[in-house]
Amino acid sequence: MFTIGQQITKENYTQAAIWCNQNGAHIEPQNGSYVIAANPAPAEPTAQERVQAKELQTGLTRAVRELVLAENSGASDYVKELAQELETWAAVLRE
């Protein structure tokens, strides 16, 4: 029905807006008219954002990771793997 780069008129603006919402696009002004444009790709999360999200998801803050990774901690292999993965990501931030 619509395509990226297509000029929009008053008559088809509403239908174009609906199409844009369903197809990852938006309407923007361009040279005195309105045109359908693709939405930009979402930005990749930073290392800090990834670490924070994983900490919130797992509850493995730095202090908890240190306890989990300590010798004879009694933590399961699964939890140790998660903690080690997070520590690897976090090490980049501490450099």
N, C-alpha and C. Protein backbone atom coordinates (compact mmCIF):
# COMPACT_ATOMS: atom_id res chain seq x y z
N MET A 1 0.82 -1.18 0.00
CA MET A 1 0.00 0.00 0.00
C MET A 1 0.87 1.26 0.00
N PHE A 2 1.82 1.35 0.95
CA PHE A 2 2.72 2.49 1.03
C PHE A 2 4.15 1.99 0.94
N THR A 3 5.08 2.91 0.65
CA THR A 3 6.50 2.55 0.59
C THR A 3 7.34 3.66 1.20
N ILE A 4 8.54 3.29 1.61
CA ILE A 4 9.47 4.28 2.13
C ILE A 4 9.80 5.27 1.00
N GLY A 5 9.76 6.54 1.32
CA GLY A 5 10.03 7.57 0.33
C GLY A 5 8.78 8.11 -0.35
N GLN A 6 7.65 7.47 -0.11
CA GLN A 6 6.41 7.91 -0.76
C GLN A 6 5.92 9.21 -0.14
N GLN A 7 5.47 10.13 -0.97
CA GLN A 7 4.92 11.40 -0.51
C GLN A 7 3.49 11.17 -0.03
N ILE A 8 3.14 11.85 1.06
CA ILE A 8 1.82 11.68 1.67
C ILE A 8 0.97 12.92 1.40
N THR A 9 -0.32 12.69 1.19
CA THR A 9 -1.26 13.79 0.98
C THR A 9 -2.18 13.90 2.20
N LYS A 10 -2.96 14.99 2.24
CA LYS A 10 -3.94 15.13 3.33
C LYS A 10 -4.93 13.98 3.31
N GLU A 11 -5.28 13.51 2.13
CA GLU A 11 -6.30 12.48 2.00
C GLU A 11 -5.83 11.12 2.53
N ASN A 12 -4.55 10.81 2.41
CA ASN A 12 -4.11 9.48 2.85
C ASN A 12 -3.19 9.51 4.08
N TYR A 13 -3.14 10.66 4.76
CA TYR A 13 -2.24 10.82 5.91
C TYR A 13 -2.55 9.81 7.01
N THR A 14 -3.81 9.66 7.37
CA THR A 14 -4.19 8.74 8.46
C THR A 14 -3.83 7.31 8.11
N GLN A 15 -4.15 6.87 6.90
CA GLN A 15 -3.83 5.51 6.49
C GLN A 15 -2.30 5.31 6.45
N ALA A 16 -1.59 6.35 6.02
CA ALA A 16 -0.13 6.26 5.98
C ALA A 16 0.44 6.16 7.39
N ALA A 17 -0.12 6.91 8.32
CA ALA A 17 0.36 6.85 9.71
C ALA A 17 0.13 5.47 10.31
N ILE A 18 -1.01 4.89 10.04
CA ILE A 18 -1.29 3.53 10.52
C ILE A 18 -0.30 2.54 9.90
N TRP A 19 -0.07 2.67 8.60
CA TRP A 19 0.88 1.78 7.93
C TRP A 19 2.28 1.94 8.54
N CYS A 20 2.69 3.18 8.78
CA CYS A 20 4.01 3.44 9.37
C CYS A 20 4.15 2.77 10.73
N ASN A 21 3.14 2.87 11.57
CA ASN A 21 3.20 2.25 12.90
C ASN A 21 3.34 0.74 12.81
N GLN A 22 2.80 0.16 11.80
CA GLN A 22 2.85 -1.30 11.64
C GLN A 22 4.10 -1.77 10.90
N ASN A 23 4.84 -0.85 10.29
CA ASN A 23 5.96 -1.25 9.44
C ASN A 23 7.28 -0.56 9.76
N GLY A 24 7.44 -0.07 10.99
CA GLY A 24 8.71 0.50 11.39
C GLY A 24 9.10 1.74 10.62
N ALA A 25 8.16 2.62 10.40
CA ALA A 25 8.43 3.85 9.65
C ALA A 25 7.73 5.02 10.35
N HIS A 26 7.97 6.19 9.84
CA HIS A 26 7.32 7.39 10.34
C HIS A 26 7.17 8.39 9.20
N ILE A 27 6.38 9.42 9.46
CA ILE A 27 6.16 10.47 8.47
C ILE A 27 6.95 11.69 8.91
N GLU A 28 7.71 12.25 7.99
CA GLU A 28 8.51 13.43 8.33
C GLU A 28 8.37 14.49 7.24
N PRO A 29 8.46 15.77 7.65
CA PRO A 29 8.40 16.84 6.66
C PRO A 29 9.68 16.86 5.82
N GLN A 30 9.49 17.12 4.53
CA GLN A 30 10.65 17.13 3.63
C GLN A 30 10.33 18.04 2.45
N ASN A 31 11.04 19.13 2.35
CA ASN A 31 10.87 20.08 1.24
C ASN A 31 9.42 20.54 1.06
N GLY A 32 8.76 20.88 2.16
CA GLY A 32 7.40 21.40 2.07
C GLY A 32 6.31 20.36 1.93
N SER A 33 6.66 19.07 1.95
CA SER A 33 5.65 18.02 1.90
C SER A 33 5.97 17.00 2.98
N TYR A 34 5.18 15.95 3.05
CA TYR A 34 5.40 14.89 4.04
C TYR A 34 5.72 13.59 3.31
N VAL A 35 6.74 12.89 3.82
CA VAL A 35 7.23 11.68 3.17
C VAL A 35 7.38 10.58 4.21
N ILE A 36 7.16 9.34 3.79
CA ILE A 36 7.37 8.19 4.67
C ILE A 36 8.86 7.89 4.73
N ALA A 37 9.38 7.76 5.97
CA ALA A 37 10.80 7.45 6.17
C ALA A 37 10.92 6.27 7.12
N ALA A 38 11.95 5.48 6.93
CA ALA A 38 12.20 4.32 7.80
C ALA A 38 12.69 4.80 9.16
N ASN A 39 12.27 4.10 10.21
CA ASN A 39 12.77 4.40 11.55
C ASN A 39 14.23 3.95 11.64
N PRO A 40 15.05 4.69 12.37
CA PRO A 40 16.44 4.26 12.53
C PRO A 40 16.51 2.99 13.37
N ALA A 41 17.55 2.22 13.15
CA ALA A 41 17.75 1.01 13.94
C ALA A 41 18.03 1.41 15.38
N PRO A 42 17.54 0.61 16.34
CA PRO A 42 17.80 0.94 17.74
C PRO A 42 19.30 0.84 18.04
N ALA A 43 19.76 1.69 18.90
CA ALA A 43 21.18 1.69 19.27
C ALA A 43 21.50 0.44 20.09
N GLU A 44 22.70 -0.08 19.89
CA GLU A 44 23.16 -1.21 20.68
C GLU A 44 23.40 -0.74 22.11
N PRO A 45 23.03 -1.55 23.10
CA PRO A 45 23.28 -1.14 24.49
C PRO A 45 24.79 -1.08 24.76
N THR A 46 25.17 -0.16 25.62
CA THR A 46 26.57 -0.05 26.00
C THR A 46 26.92 -1.21 26.93
N ALA A 47 28.21 -1.40 27.15
CA ALA A 47 28.66 -2.46 28.06
C ALA A 47 28.07 -2.24 29.45
N GLN A 48 28.05 -1.00 29.91
CA GLN A 48 27.50 -0.70 31.22
C GLN A 48 26.01 -1.02 31.28
N GLU A 49 25.27 -0.70 30.25
CA GLU A 49 23.83 -1.00 30.21
C GLU A 49 23.58 -2.50 30.21
N ARG A 50 24.42 -3.26 29.48
CA ARG A 50 24.28 -4.71 29.47
C ARG A 50 24.53 -5.29 30.86
N VAL A 51 25.59 -4.82 31.52
CA VAL A 51 25.91 -5.32 32.87
C VAL A 51 24.78 -4.98 33.83
N GLN A 52 24.31 -3.75 33.81
CA GLN A 52 23.23 -3.34 34.72
C GLN A 52 21.96 -4.15 34.48
N ALA A 53 21.62 -4.39 33.24
CA ALA A 53 20.41 -5.16 32.93
C ALA A 53 20.55 -6.59 33.43
N LYS A 54 21.71 -7.19 33.22
CA LYS A 54 21.94 -8.56 33.66
C LYS A 54 21.96 -8.65 35.19
N GLU A 55 22.53 -7.64 35.85
CA GLU A 55 22.52 -7.62 37.31
C GLU A 55 21.09 -7.56 37.84
N LEU A 56 20.26 -6.72 37.23
CA LEU A 56 18.86 -6.62 37.66
C LEU A 56 18.11 -7.92 37.40
N GLN A 57 18.40 -8.54 36.28
CA GLN A 57 17.72 -9.78 35.90
C GLN A 57 18.10 -10.93 36.83
N THR A 58 19.36 -11.02 37.21
CA THR A 58 19.85 -12.18 37.97
C THR A 58 20.03 -11.91 39.46
N GLY A 59 20.13 -10.64 39.85
CA GLY A 59 20.41 -10.32 41.25
C GLY A 59 21.89 -10.48 41.59
N LEU A 60 22.72 -10.68 40.58
CA LEU A 60 24.14 -10.90 40.80
C LEU A 60 24.92 -9.59 40.73
N THR A 61 24.81 -8.79 41.78
CA THR A 61 25.59 -7.56 41.86
C THR A 61 27.06 -7.94 42.03
N ARG A 62 27.94 -6.97 41.98
CA ARG A 62 29.37 -7.26 42.07
C ARG A 62 29.71 -7.97 43.38
N ALA A 63 29.15 -7.50 44.47
CA ALA A 63 29.44 -8.12 45.77
C ALA A 63 28.97 -9.57 45.80
N VAL A 64 27.79 -9.83 45.26
CA VAL A 64 27.26 -11.19 45.22
C VAL A 64 28.11 -12.06 44.30
N ARG A 65 28.54 -11.51 43.17
CA ARG A 65 29.40 -12.28 42.25
C ARG A 65 30.69 -12.70 42.93
N GLU A 66 31.27 -11.80 43.71
CA GLU A 66 32.50 -12.14 44.42
C GLU A 66 32.28 -13.31 45.37
N LEU A 67 31.14 -13.31 46.06
CA LEU A 67 30.83 -14.42 46.97
C LEU A 67 30.60 -15.72 46.21
N VAL A 68 29.87 -15.62 45.10
CA VAL A 68 29.56 -16.81 44.30
C VAL A 68 30.83 -17.41 43.72
N LEU A 69 31.74 -16.55 43.27
CA LEU A 69 32.95 -17.04 42.60
C LEU A 69 34.06 -17.40 43.58
N ALA A 70 33.86 -17.16 44.87
CA ALA A 70 34.86 -17.53 45.86
C ALA A 70 34.98 -19.05 45.93
N GLU A 71 36.14 -19.51 46.27
CA GLU A 71 36.39 -20.95 46.38
C GLU A 71 35.46 -21.54 47.44
N ASN A 72 34.89 -22.71 47.14
CA ASN A 72 33.97 -23.42 48.05
C ASN A 72 32.75 -22.58 48.43
N SER A 73 32.24 -21.82 47.50
CA SER A 73 31.08 -20.97 47.80
C SER A 73 29.80 -21.77 47.94
N GLY A 74 29.75 -22.94 47.34
CA GLY A 74 28.55 -23.75 47.39
C GLY A 74 27.52 -23.39 46.33
N ALA A 75 27.83 -22.40 45.52
CA ALA A 75 26.91 -22.01 44.45
C ALA A 75 26.92 -23.06 43.35
N SER A 76 25.80 -23.18 42.67
CA SER A 76 25.69 -24.15 41.57
C SER A 76 26.58 -23.74 40.40
N ASP A 77 26.89 -24.70 39.56
CA ASP A 77 27.69 -24.40 38.37
C ASP A 77 26.99 -23.37 37.48
N TYR A 78 25.66 -23.46 37.40
CA TYR A 78 24.89 -22.52 36.58
C TYR A 78 25.08 -21.08 37.09
N VAL A 79 24.94 -20.89 38.40
CA VAL A 79 25.08 -19.56 38.98
C VAL A 79 26.52 -19.07 38.83
N LYS A 80 27.47 -19.96 38.99
CA LYS A 80 28.88 -19.58 38.80
C LYS A 80 29.14 -19.13 37.37
N GLU A 81 28.54 -19.84 36.40
CA GLU A 81 28.71 -19.45 34.99
C GLU A 81 28.13 -18.07 34.73
N LEU A 82 26.92 -17.82 35.27
CA LEU A 82 26.31 -16.50 35.11
C LEU A 82 27.18 -15.41 35.74
N ALA A 83 27.66 -15.68 36.95
CA ALA A 83 28.50 -14.71 37.64
C ALA A 83 29.78 -14.45 36.87
N GLN A 84 30.38 -15.50 36.32
CA GLN A 84 31.62 -15.33 35.57
C GLN A 84 31.38 -14.55 34.28
N GLU A 85 30.27 -14.83 33.62
CA GLU A 85 29.93 -14.08 32.41
C GLU A 85 29.79 -12.59 32.71
N LEU A 86 29.09 -12.29 33.80
CA LEU A 86 28.91 -10.90 34.20
C LEU A 86 30.25 -10.26 34.57
N GLU A 87 31.08 -10.98 35.26
CA GLU A 87 32.40 -10.46 35.63
C GLU A 87 33.23 -10.15 34.39
N THR A 88 33.13 -10.99 33.38
CA THR A 88 33.86 -10.76 32.13
C THR A 88 33.40 -9.46 31.48
N TRP A 89 32.08 -9.24 31.43
CA TRP A 89 31.53 -8.00 30.88
C TRP A 89 31.96 -6.81 31.72
N ALA A 90 31.88 -6.94 33.05
CA ALA A 90 32.18 -5.84 33.95
C ALA A 90 33.66 -5.49 33.97
N ALA A 91 34.53 -6.47 33.71
CA ALA A 91 35.97 -6.20 33.71
C ALA A 91 36.34 -5.14 32.68
N VAL A 92 35.64 -5.11 31.59
CA VAL A 92 35.88 -4.10 30.56
C VAL A 92 35.61 -2.70 31.11
N LEU A 93 34.61 -2.60 31.96
CA LEU A 93 34.25 -1.30 32.53
C LEU A 93 35.26 -0.83 33.56
N ARG A 94 35.92 -1.75 34.20
CA ARG A 94 36.86 -1.40 35.27
C ARG A 94 38.27 -1.11 34.74
N GLU A 95 38.50 -1.32 33.46
CA GLU A 95 39.83 -1.09 32.88
C GLU A 95 40.14 0.38 32.75
